[in-house]
């Protein structure tokens, strides 16, 4: 405010002085006389004013020319000047234009164009933290892995781009299948940026693949700490890792530590079937059957599974079929409408030779959800009730071509596993296995429907049921064969223990 007022007063004062000066010159008689040596110049007042203005302009032009000369000398000498700044701005504009064009080419899938634009951008910008990344990605797109590796290694030298370089080389090693080197690089990247979600996931997957369960649990804890994982998911996956760690310790021969790890895994996720089974067997070995029963019943309430029933049978291995049926009521009263519970009750009643109750427990399961196990159990019931061989053989023929029922199937790739594992054998996904029916293409027997008339029409005795599973007639199924042997009512003493 004061500065604006000062400038106004200064402007008015200057105008007033100029006006007074011009009036004084106009009133002066004789003008101005300038003597240079023997030469004299007489100037009228108006001429004197014009000469003064011209002199000022000449001095101003001389100063400009002198300034340009000095600037040129400094420019040639390498100092920063207005000229150098002009050329710098021009180069910067061209460089950023080339960088933008390179990014557009990269997004369009034009790797060669992106490489040339990145080279042009580097020529003008001298900003390797920007242009090297574009060059590396363009080199990967064109398949020049050597060039990409070279550029990523250049990025390692700058602290600002070190993480980008490590991550780029890590992805190259993963693509090459060198998981050991990739894990070391993932650990380095994780140390540089522990909050980076992709790095966390890659490191966790690699640690699980290399059975580094302890390290994987630490990485999982970091995901929870930085808010990249819900707490309930963390508990489930931590239980999976704890269970895997327990199995690894058990393989090393350390029974005590394995037991503790198994119990810890079950505590973290009581509904994890393999953890519940392992913890229950740990309690059985310790002589704590009540603890084992409690663990298995809780797991069955969450997810009925044949392995749970098998572990529950191991609590009292030498009991009679009738006693086992009574003891299993603590388990079967939970989820009584679940197909697994119904088939377990059916097996127990068949072992006790109570075929009426077995049929009642099985109900319409063979029609509603036909599976190899359900149809095999129905065949055993029919045989026990005295049905003819043709009826039993027809049911067994249906069992051969029926779906296998729930199995450990990967949610990502639908790969079927014979037993639960933390890592999918198909897609290497972590904690992706679920107990569910497999896709039909995985369990359907090729050409099985065409074999039905031939199998049903056979006249051999039904006792030799394993012929249905002979490789010459179709693919052999170990699970179905075991159930057929257990369901053979000609020798019930061999089937006193249910095998879900």
Protein backbone atom coordinates (compact mmCIF):
# COMPACT_ATOMS: atom_id res chain seq x y z
CA UNK A 1 0.00 0.00 0.00
CA UNK A 2 2.75 2.52 1.00
CA UNK A 3 4.93 1.42 -1.90
CA UNK A 4 2.09 2.08 -4.38
CA UNK A 5 1.56 5.57 -2.88
CA UNK A 6 5.30 6.25 -3.07
CA UNK A 7 5.40 5.28 -6.77
CA UNK A 8 2.44 7.58 -7.53
CA UNK A 9 4.08 10.53 -5.75
CA UNK A 10 7.39 9.83 -7.53
CA UNK A 11 5.66 9.74 -10.94
CA UNK A 12 3.84 13.05 -10.32
CA UNK A 13 7.07 14.71 -9.10
CA UNK A 14 9.00 13.54 -12.19
CA UNK A 15 6.31 14.88 -14.52
CA UNK A 16 6.32 18.21 -12.70
CA UNK A 17 10.11 18.52 -12.92
CA UNK A 18 10.11 17.65 -16.61
CA UNK A 19 7.42 20.24 -17.23
CA UNK A 20 9.37 22.91 -15.34
CA UNK A 21 12.55 22.02 -17.20
CA UNK A 22 10.87 22.19 -20.59
CA UNK A 23 9.36 25.60 -19.74
CA UNK A 24 12.71 26.85 -18.56
CA UNK A 25 14.38 25.79 -21.80
CA UNK A 26 11.67 27.39 -23.93
CA UNK A 27 12.14 30.71 -22.12
CA UNK A 28 15.94 30.63 -22.30
CA UNK A 29 17.39 32.97 -24.96
CA UNK A 30 20.40 32.04 -27.01
CA UNK A 31 20.06 28.29 -26.55
CA UNK A 32 23.02 26.00 -25.72
CA UNK A 33 26.57 26.33 -27.08
CA UNK A 34 28.80 23.27 -27.23
CA UNK A 35 32.50 23.74 -28.04
CA UNK A 36 34.61 20.76 -29.11
CA UNK A 37 38.14 21.90 -29.84
CA UNK A 38 37.92 24.65 -32.48
CA UNK A 39 34.38 23.65 -33.41
CA UNK A 40 31.32 25.16 -31.79
CA UNK A 41 27.73 23.99 -31.93
CA UNK A 42 24.85 26.33 -31.09
CA UNK A 43 21.63 24.53 -30.33
CA UNK A 44 18.25 26.03 -29.91
CA UNK A 45 16.37 24.94 -26.78
CA UNK A 46 14.24 22.45 -28.71
CA UNK A 47 17.29 21.10 -30.54
CA UNK A 48 19.07 20.72 -27.20
CA UNK A 49 16.17 18.64 -25.85
CA UNK A 50 16.19 16.40 -28.94
CA UNK A 51 19.98 16.02 -28.72
CA UNK A 52 19.69 15.07 -25.07
CA UNK A 53 17.08 12.41 -25.83
CA UNK A 54 19.23 10.99 -28.65
CA UNK A 55 22.22 10.90 -26.33
CA UNK A 56 20.29 8.96 -23.73
CA UNK A 57 19.09 6.48 -26.41
CA UNK A 58 22.63 6.05 -27.70
CA UNK A 59 23.96 5.36 -24.22
CA UNK A 60 21.13 2.84 -23.64
CA UNK A 61 21.91 1.04 -26.90
CA UNK A 62 25.60 0.97 -26.04
CA UNK A 63 24.83 -0.59 -22.68
CA UNK A 64 22.66 -3.27 -24.38
CA UNK A 65 25.34 -4.07 -26.94
CA UNK A 66 27.94 -4.24 -24.20
CA UNK A 67 25.68 -6.54 -22.16
CA UNK A 68 25.15 -8.83 -25.17
CA UNK A 69 28.89 -8.94 -25.77
CA UNK A 70 29.55 -9.85 -22.14
CA UNK A 71 26.75 -12.48 -22.23
CA UNK A 72 28.20 -14.02 -25.40
CA UNK A 73 31.65 -14.22 -23.82
CA UNK A 74 30.15 -15.89 -20.70
CA UNK A 75 28.09 -18.26 -22.89
CA UNK A 76 31.23 -19.29 -24.78
CA UNK A 77 32.98 -19.70 -21.45
CA UNK A 78 30.22 -22.07 -20.23
CA UNK A 79 28.58 -19.79 -17.67
CA UNK A 80 24.80 -19.65 -17.26
CA UNK A 81 23.32 -16.80 -19.23
CA UNK A 82 20.04 -15.80 -20.78
CA UNK A 83 21.22 -17.39 -24.03
CA UNK A 84 22.09 -20.68 -22.31
CA UNK A 85 18.77 -20.64 -20.46
CA UNK A 86 16.97 -20.18 -23.78
CA UNK A 87 18.70 -23.17 -25.32
CA UNK A 88 18.14 -25.19 -22.11
CA UNK A 89 14.41 -24.51 -22.25
CA UNK A 90 14.37 -25.52 -25.89
CA UNK A 91 16.18 -28.80 -25.15
CA UNK A 92 13.94 -29.47 -22.17
CA UNK A 93 10.82 -28.95 -24.27
CA UNK A 94 12.09 -31.33 -26.96
CA UNK A 95 13.14 -33.87 -24.33
CA UNK A 96 9.76 -33.95 -22.59
CA UNK A 97 8.00 -34.18 -25.94
CA UNK A 98 10.15 -37.23 -26.80
CA UNK A 99 9.48 -38.72 -23.35
CA UNK A 100 5.73 -38.28 -23.75
CA UNK A 101 5.81 -39.80 -27.22
CA UNK A 102 7.84 -42.74 -25.87
CA UNK A 103 5.31 -43.40 -23.12
CA UNK A 104 2.47 -43.30 -25.64
CA UNK A 105 4.38 -45.71 -27.90
CA UNK A 106 5.00 -48.03 -24.94
CA UNK A 107 1.32 -48.04 -24.03
CA UNK A 108 0.49 -48.75 -27.68
CA UNK A 109 2.81 -51.76 -27.78
CA UNK A 110 5.36 -50.14 -30.10
CA UNK A 111 8.55 -51.18 -28.32
CA UNK A 112 11.04 -50.08 -30.99
CA UNK A 113 9.49 -46.61 -31.23
CA UNK A 114 9.52 -46.30 -27.46
CA UNK A 115 13.23 -47.23 -27.39
CA UNK A 116 14.15 -44.54 -29.95
CA UNK A 117 12.06 -41.92 -28.17
CA UNK A 118 13.66 -42.82 -24.85
CA UNK A 119 17.10 -42.39 -26.41
CA UNK A 120 16.09 -38.99 -27.82
CA UNK A 121 14.65 -37.92 -24.46
CA UNK A 122 17.88 -38.88 -22.69
CA UNK A 123 19.88 -36.86 -25.24
CA UNK A 124 17.95 -33.68 -24.41
CA UNK A 125 16.98 -34.16 -20.76
CA UNK A 126 19.88 -35.98 -19.11
CA UNK A 127 17.39 -37.39 -16.60
CA UNK A 128 18.27 -41.11 -16.34
CA UNK A 129 15.77 -41.69 -13.53
CA UNK A 130 13.05 -40.99 -16.10
CA UNK A 131 14.46 -42.24 -19.38
CA UNK A 132 16.11 -45.44 -18.08
CA UNK A 133 12.81 -46.80 -16.84
CA UNK A 134 11.20 -46.17 -20.22
CA UNK A 135 14.17 -47.78 -21.96
CA UNK A 136 14.02 -50.88 -19.73
CA UNK A 137 10.30 -51.40 -20.26
CA UNK A 138 10.65 -50.87 -24.00
CA UNK A 139 13.55 -53.36 -24.09
CA UNK A 140 11.43 -55.96 -22.27
CA UNK A 141 8.62 -55.39 -24.76
CA UNK A 142 10.91 -55.96 -27.71
CA UNK A 143 12.43 -59.05 -26.07
CA UNK A 144 15.86 -57.51 -25.52
CA UNK A 145 16.38 -58.91 -22.01
CA UNK A 146 20.10 -58.08 -22.03
CA UNK A 147 19.40 -54.39 -22.62
CA UNK A 148 16.67 -54.37 -19.98
CA UNK A 149 18.98 -56.00 -17.43
CA UNK A 150 21.71 -53.48 -18.25
CA UNK A 151 19.36 -50.53 -17.73
CA UNK A 152 17.91 -51.93 -14.48
CA UNK A 153 21.46 -52.29 -13.14
CA UNK A 154 22.05 -48.64 -13.97
CA UNK A 155 19.01 -47.75 -11.90
CA UNK A 156 20.56 -49.51 -8.89
CA UNK A 157 23.25 -46.81 -8.67
CA UNK A 158 20.75 -44.06 -7.80
CA UNK A 159 19.03 -44.18 -4.42
CA UNK A 160 15.89 -42.69 -5.93
CA UNK A 161 15.56 -45.51 -8.48
CA UNK A 162 17.20 -48.37 -6.58
CA UNK A 163 13.86 -50.01 -5.72
CA UNK A 164 12.75 -49.83 -9.36
CA UNK A 165 15.98 -51.51 -10.46
CA UNK A 166 15.72 -54.30 -7.87
CA UNK A 167 12.08 -54.92 -8.72
CA UNK A 168 12.81 -55.02 -12.45
CA UNK A 169 15.61 -57.57 -12.09
CA UNK A 170 13.45 -59.59 -9.69
CA UNK A 171 10.67 -59.85 -12.25
CA UNK A 172 13.21 -60.95 -14.87
CA UNK A 173 14.47 -63.72 -12.61
CA UNK A 174 10.90 -64.84 -11.92
CA UNK A 175 10.24 -65.03 -15.65
CA UNK A 176 13.42 -67.11 -16.07
CA UNK A 177 12.37 -69.46 -13.27
CA UNK A 178 15.31 -68.54 -11.03
CA UNK A 179 13.20 -68.36 -7.87
CA UNK A 180 16.17 -68.54 -5.49
CA UNK A 181 17.73 -65.32 -6.84
CA UNK A 182 14.27 -63.77 -7.17
CA UNK A 183 13.61 -64.38 -3.46
CA UNK A 184 16.85 -62.63 -2.46
CA UNK A 185 15.90 -59.67 -4.67
CA UNK A 186 12.38 -59.67 -3.23
CA UNK A 187 13.86 -59.50 0.28
CA UNK A 188 16.01 -56.53 -0.82
CA UNK A 189 13.01 -54.80 -2.40
CA UNK A 190 10.96 -55.48 0.74
CA UNK A 191 13.70 -53.90 2.89
CA UNK A 192 13.66 -50.80 0.67
CA UNK A 193 9.85 -50.49 0.56
CA UNK A 194 8.12 -52.66 3.15
CA UNK A 195 4.75 -51.07 2.36
CA UNK A 196 4.81 -52.11 -1.32
CA UNK A 197 1.93 -54.58 -1.70
CA UNK A 198 3.17 -56.34 -4.82
CA UNK A 199 6.59 -56.94 -3.28
CA UNK A 200 4.97 -58.32 -0.14
CA UNK A 201 2.90 -60.78 -2.18
CA UNK A 202 5.83 -61.89 -4.34
CA UNK A 203 8.09 -62.39 -1.31
CA UNK A 204 5.37 -64.29 0.57
CA UNK A 205 4.78 -66.60 -2.39
CA UNK A 206 8.50 -67.26 -2.89
CA UNK A 207 9.08 -67.93 0.81
CA UNK A 208 6.21 -70.40 0.85
CA UNK A 209 7.53 -72.06 -2.31
CA UNK A 210 10.94 -72.52 -0.66
CA UNK A 211 9.37 -73.75 2.62
CA UNK A 212 10.64 -70.69 4.51
CA UNK A 213 7.56 -70.71 6.73
CA UNK A 214 9.08 -68.60 9.49
CA UNK A 215 10.05 -65.86 7.04
CA UNK A 216 6.65 -66.07 5.37
CA UNK A 217 4.93 -65.50 8.72
CA UNK A 218 7.03 -62.35 9.25
CA UNK A 219 6.09 -61.08 5.79
CA UNK A 220 2.44 -61.83 6.51
CA UNK A 221 2.75 -59.87 9.76
CA UNK A 222 4.10 -56.90 7.79
CA UNK A 223 1.07 -57.04 5.47
CA UNK A 224 -1.18 -56.83 8.52
CA UNK A 225 0.91 -54.06 10.08
CA UNK A 226 0.73 -51.83 7.02
CA UNK A 227 -2.98 -52.40 6.51
CA UNK A 228 -2.76 -54.47 3.33
CA UNK A 229 -4.55 -57.49 4.81
CA UNK A 230 -7.77 -57.82 6.84
CA UNK A 231 -7.24 -59.26 10.30
CA UNK A 232 -9.45 -62.32 9.74
CA UNK A 233 -7.61 -63.21 6.51
CA UNK A 234 -4.31 -62.75 8.32
CA UNK A 235 -5.35 -65.20 11.04
CA UNK A 236 -6.37 -67.81 8.48
CA UNK A 237 -3.16 -67.51 6.45
CA UNK A 238 -0.99 -67.36 9.53
CA UNK A 239 -2.60 -70.65 10.59
CA UNK A 240 -1.81 -72.14 7.18
CA UNK A 241 1.84 -71.09 7.54
CA UNK A 242 1.98 -72.36 11.13
CA UNK A 243 0.60 -75.72 9.98
CA UNK A 244 3.14 -75.92 7.18
CA UNK A 245 5.88 -75.02 9.64
CA UNK A 246 4.67 -77.80 11.93
CA UNK A 247 4.84 -80.35 9.10
CA UNK A 248 8.34 -79.20 8.23
CA UNK A 249 9.49 -79.51 11.84
CA UNK A 250 7.90 -82.95 12.06
CA UNK A 251 9.79 -84.08 8.95
CA UNK A 252 12.99 -82.94 10.65
CA UNK A 253 12.22 -85.25 13.56
CA UNK A 254 11.44 -82.62 16.20
CA UNK A 255 8.17 -84.04 17.56
CA UNK A 256 7.79 -81.67 20.50
CA UNK A 257 8.16 -78.49 18.46
CA UNK A 258 5.89 -79.92 15.74
CA UNK A 259 3.16 -80.60 18.30
CA UNK A 260 3.37 -77.06 19.63
CA UNK A 261 3.21 -75.64 16.10
CA UNK A 262 0.22 -77.83 15.21
CA UNK A 263 -1.69 -76.73 18.30
CA UNK A 264 -0.81 -73.09 17.50
CA UNK A 265 -2.10 -73.51 13.93
CA UNK A 266 -5.38 -74.93 15.22
CA UNK A 267 -5.71 -72.08 17.73
CA UNK A 268 -5.28 -69.51 14.98
CA UNK A 269 -7.86 -71.12 12.67
CA UNK A 270 -10.03 -73.84 14.27
CA UNK A 271 -11.89 -74.44 10.98
CA UNK A 272 -8.72 -75.34 9.06
CA UNK A 273 -9.22 -79.08 8.58
CA UNK A 274 -5.56 -80.18 8.25
CA UNK A 275 -4.60 -78.13 11.32
CA UNK A 276 -7.44 -79.62 13.38
CA UNK A 277 -6.49 -83.16 12.37
CA UNK A 278 -2.81 -82.62 13.15
CA UNK A 279 -3.58 -80.97 16.49
CA UNK A 280 -5.97 -83.80 17.41
CA UNK A 281 -3.36 -86.44 16.64
CA UNK A 282 -0.91 -84.46 18.75
CA UNK A 283 -3.33 -84.61 21.68
CA UNK A 284 -3.87 -88.34 21.09
CA UNK A 285 -0.12 -88.94 21.27
CA UNK A 286 -0.02 -86.91 24.50
CA UNK A 287 -2.82 -89.04 26.00
CA UNK A 288 -5.40 -86.22 25.94
CA UNK A 289 -8.41 -87.74 24.10
CA UNK A 290 -10.85 -85.14 25.44
CA UNK A 291 -8.81 -82.31 23.93
CA UNK A 292 -8.60 -84.20 20.64
CA UNK A 293 -12.39 -84.73 20.60
CA UNK A 294 -13.03 -81.06 21.34
CA UNK A 295 -10.77 -79.92 18.49
CA UNK A 296 -12.32 -82.32 15.96
CA UNK A 297 -15.91 -81.56 16.93
CA UNK A 298 -15.27 -77.83 16.55
CA UNK A 299 -13.69 -78.37 13.13
CA UNK A 300 -16.54 -80.67 12.03
CA UNK A 301 -19.07 -78.00 13.03
CA UNK A 302 -17.33 -75.61 10.67
CA UNK A 303 -16.51 -78.00 7.80
CA UNK A 304 -17.35 -81.74 7.81
CA UNK A 305 -14.49 -83.68 6.25
CA UNK A 306 -13.48 -87.37 5.98
CA UNK A 307 -10.07 -86.68 7.56
CA UNK A 308 -11.77 -85.34 10.68
CA UNK A 309 -13.84 -88.51 10.99
CA UNK A 310 -10.75 -90.66 10.47
CA UNK A 311 -8.89 -88.77 13.23
CA UNK A 312 -11.96 -89.06 15.50
CA UNK A 313 -11.87 -92.84 14.98
CA UNK A 314 -8.20 -92.91 16.02
CA UNK A 315 -9.07 -91.62 19.50
CA UNK A 316 -10.39 -95.10 20.42
CA UNK A 317 -8.97 -97.43 17.74
CA UNK A 318 -10.03 -100.78 19.23
CA UNK A 319 -13.76 -100.19 19.91
CA UNK A 320 -16.55 -102.27 18.39
CA UNK A 321 -18.71 -100.94 15.53
CA UNK A 322 -21.65 -100.53 17.92
CA UNK A 323 -19.58 -98.58 20.45
CA UNK A 324 -18.11 -96.46 17.69
CA UNK A 325 -21.58 -95.59 16.43
CA UNK A 326 -22.51 -94.37 19.91
CA UNK A 327 -19.31 -92.36 20.39
CA UNK A 328 -19.59 -90.74 16.96
CA UNK A 329 -22.93 -89.19 17.92
CA UNK A 330 -20.95 -86.35 19.52
CA UNK A 331 -19.67 -85.61 16.03
CA UNK A 332 -22.66 -86.44 13.81
CA UNK A 333 -25.14 -84.36 15.79
CA UNK A 334 -23.47 -81.32 14.25
CA UNK A 335 -24.28 -80.48 10.63
CA UNK A 336 -26.61 -83.50 10.46
CA UNK A 337 -27.99 -82.45 7.06
CA UNK A 338 -24.56 -82.18 5.43
CA UNK A 339 -23.82 -84.90 2.83
CA UNK A 340 -20.57 -85.77 4.59
CA UNK A 341 -22.37 -86.32 7.91
CA UNK A 342 -25.00 -88.46 6.24
CA UNK A 343 -22.41 -90.65 4.50
CA UNK A 344 -20.44 -91.00 7.74
CA UNK A 345 -23.56 -92.21 9.55
CA UNK A 346 -24.22 -94.60 6.69
CA UNK A 347 -20.72 -96.09 6.95
CA UNK A 348 -21.01 -96.48 10.71
CA UNK A 349 -24.36 -98.27 10.42
CA UNK A 350 -23.07 -100.53 7.63
CA UNK A 351 -20.12 -101.48 9.84
CA UNK A 352 -22.63 -102.28 12.61
CA UNK A 353 -24.75 -104.25 10.04
CA UNK A 354 -27.74 -101.99 10.68
CA UNK A 355 -28.78 -101.59 7.04
CA UNK A 356 -32.18 -100.04 7.80
CA UNK A 357 -30.57 -97.14 9.66
CA UNK A 358 -27.86 -96.94 7.01
CA UNK A 359 -30.45 -96.49 4.26
CA UNK A 360 -32.30 -93.93 6.39
CA UNK A 361 -29.09 -91.94 6.93
CA UNK A 362 -28.15 -92.07 3.25
CA UNK A 363 -31.65 -91.06 2.14
CA UNK A 364 -31.89 -89.68 -1.40
CA UNK A 365 -28.23 -88.65 -1.58
CA UNK A 366 -27.39 -91.07 -4.45
CA UNK A 367 -30.10 -89.45 -6.57
CA UNK A 368 -29.74 -85.82 -5.49
CA UNK A 369 -25.91 -85.70 -5.26
CA UNK A 370 -24.65 -88.89 -6.91
CA UNK A 371 -20.98 -89.58 -6.22
CA UNK A 372 -18.73 -92.62 -6.24
CA UNK A 373 -18.88 -92.85 -2.47
CA UNK A 374 -22.64 -92.41 -2.15
CA UNK A 375 -23.39 -95.01 -4.84
CA UNK A 376 -20.86 -97.45 -3.37
CA UNK A 377 -22.53 -97.12 0.04
CA UNK A 378 -25.92 -97.74 -1.56
CA UNK A 379 -24.54 -100.85 -3.27
CA UNK A 380 -23.26 -102.09 0.10
CA UNK A 381 -26.71 -101.52 1.64
CA UNK A 382 -28.42 -103.38 -1.20
CA UNK A 383 -25.98 -106.25 -0.85
CA UNK A 384 -26.53 -106.37 2.92
CA UNK A 385 -30.29 -106.48 2.47
CA UNK A 386 -30.01 -109.40 0.06
CA UNK A 387 -30.46 -107.70 -3.33
CA UNK A 388 -29.58 -109.68 -6.42
CA UNK A 389 -26.18 -109.41 -8.09
CA UNK A 390 -27.56 -107.50 -11.09
CA UNK A 391 -28.86 -104.68 -8.87
CA UNK A 392 -25.59 -104.40 -6.95
CA UNK A 393 -23.52 -104.51 -10.14
CA UNK A 394 -25.64 -101.77 -11.72
CA UNK A 395 -25.00 -99.50 -8.72
CA UNK A 396 -21.27 -100.23 -8.84
CA UNK A 397 -21.22 -99.48 -12.55
CA UNK A 398 -22.84 -96.12 -11.85
CA UNK A 399 -20.26 -95.50 -9.11
CA UNK A 400 -17.39 -96.04 -11.56
CA UNK A 401 -18.63 -93.24 -13.81
CA UNK A 402 -20.03 -90.95 -11.10
CA UNK A 403 -18.31 -87.77 -9.88
CA UNK A 404 -15.74 -88.20 -7.14
CA UNK A 405 -17.49 -85.71 -4.88
CA UNK A 406 -15.71 -82.98 -2.88
CA UNK A 407 -11.94 -82.84 -3.21
CA UNK A 408 -9.17 -80.36 -2.54
CA UNK A 409 -9.56 -78.05 -5.55
CA UNK A 410 -7.66 -74.83 -6.27
CA UNK A 411 -9.97 -71.82 -6.49
CA UNK A 412 -7.66 -70.19 -9.06
CA UNK A 413 -6.87 -72.94 -11.57
CA UNK A 414 -9.24 -75.79 -10.54
CA UNK A 415 -6.29 -78.16 -10.13
CA UNK A 416 -7.32 -81.21 -8.07
CA UNK A 417 -5.04 -82.36 -5.24
CA UNK A 418 -5.02 -85.73 -3.53
CA UNK A 419 -4.21 -84.04 -0.19
CA UNK A 420 -4.24 -80.51 1.17
CA UNK A 421 -1.15 -78.39 0.53
CA UNK A 422 -0.48 -74.70 1.28
CA UNK A 423 0.74 -74.11 -2.29
CA UNK A 424 -1.24 -75.17 -5.37
CA UNK A 425 0.73 -77.57 -7.56
CA UNK A 426 -0.85 -76.06 -10.66
CA UNK A 427 -0.64 -72.28 -10.33
CA UNK A 428 1.62 -71.97 -7.24
CA UNK A 429 -1.13 -69.99 -5.52
CA UNK A 430 -0.93 -69.66 -1.74
CA UNK A 431 -3.88 -70.83 0.39
CA UNK A 432 -6.13 -71.35 -2.63
CA UNK A 433 -7.34 -74.91 -1.94
CA UNK A 434 -10.97 -75.49 -0.99
CA UNK A 435 -12.91 -78.66 -0.20
CA UNK A 436 -15.49 -78.71 -2.99
CA UNK A 437 -16.60 -80.76 -6.03
CA UNK A 438 -14.07 -80.71 -8.84
CA UNK A 439 -15.01 -79.47 -12.33
CA UNK A 440 -16.70 -82.22 -14.30
CA UNK A 441 -13.88 -82.47 -16.84
CA UNK A 442 -11.49 -83.46 -14.07
CA UNK A 443 -13.36 -86.44 -12.70
CA UNK A 444 -15.53 -87.76 -15.55
CA UNK A 445 -14.36 -91.11 -16.91
CA UNK A 446 -13.74 -90.83 -20.63
CA UNK A 447 -15.96 -93.29 -22.50
CA UNK A 448 -17.54 -94.50 -19.23
CA UNK A 449 -21.13 -94.13 -20.38
CA UNK A 450 -20.51 -96.40 -23.36
CA UNK A 451 -19.18 -99.10 -21.01
CA UNK A 452 -22.27 -99.26 -18.81
CA UNK A 453 -24.21 -101.87 -20.84
CA UNK A 454 -21.12 -104.07 -20.98
CA UNK A 455 -20.41 -103.79 -17.24
CA UNK A 456 -24.03 -104.27 -16.17
CA UNK A 457 -24.43 -107.23 -18.49
CA UNK A 458 -21.49 -109.18 -17.02
CA UNK A 459 -22.42 -112.48 -15.35
CA UNK A 460 -19.41 -112.91 -13.03
CA UNK A 461 -20.05 -112.98 -9.32
CA UNK A 462 -20.41 -109.57 -7.69
CA UNK A 463 -17.92 -110.46 -4.95
CA UNK A 464 -15.08 -109.76 -7.33
CA UNK A 465 -15.99 -106.08 -7.45
CA UNK A 466 -12.45 -104.98 -8.05
CA UNK A 467 -12.81 -106.10 -11.68
CA UNK A 468 -14.87 -102.95 -12.21
CA UNK A 469 -11.78 -101.00 -11.34
CA UNK A 470 -9.39 -102.94 -13.56
CA UNK A 471 -7.36 -100.65 -15.85
CA UNK A 472 -8.58 -102.64 -18.86
CA UNK A 473 -12.15 -101.56 -18.14
CA UNK A 474 -11.46 -97.99 -17.13
CA UNK A 475 -9.26 -95.79 -14.93
CA UNK A 476 -8.61 -97.26 -11.49
CA UNK A 477 -9.80 -95.26 -8.46
CA UNK A 478 -7.98 -96.05 -5.24
CA UNK A 479 -10.52 -94.30 -3.02
CA UNK A 480 -13.48 -96.16 -4.52
CA UNK A 481 -11.64 -99.48 -4.33
CA UNK A 482 -10.90 -98.96 -0.63
CA UNK A 483 -14.55 -98.14 0.06
CA UNK A 484 -15.71 -101.24 -1.81
CA UNK A 485 -13.43 -103.41 0.30
CA UNK A 486 -14.61 -101.74 3.52
CA UNK A 487 -18.25 -102.16 2.48
CA UNK A 488 -17.91 -105.94 1.82
CA UNK A 489 -20.52 -107.30 4.21
CA UNK A 490 -19.29 -110.88 3.77
CA UNK A 491 -16.54 -109.98 6.23
CA UNK A 492 -17.92 -107.25 8.55
CA UNK A 493 -15.11 -107.71 11.00
CA UNK A 494 -12.83 -106.07 8.42
CA UNK A 495 -15.05 -102.99 8.28
CA UNK A 496 -15.42 -102.12 11.94
CA UNK A 497 -13.75 -98.73 11.48
CA UNK A 498 -15.30 -96.09 9.16
CA UNK A 499 -13.01 -94.63 6.54
CA UNK A 500 -14.62 -91.36 5.38
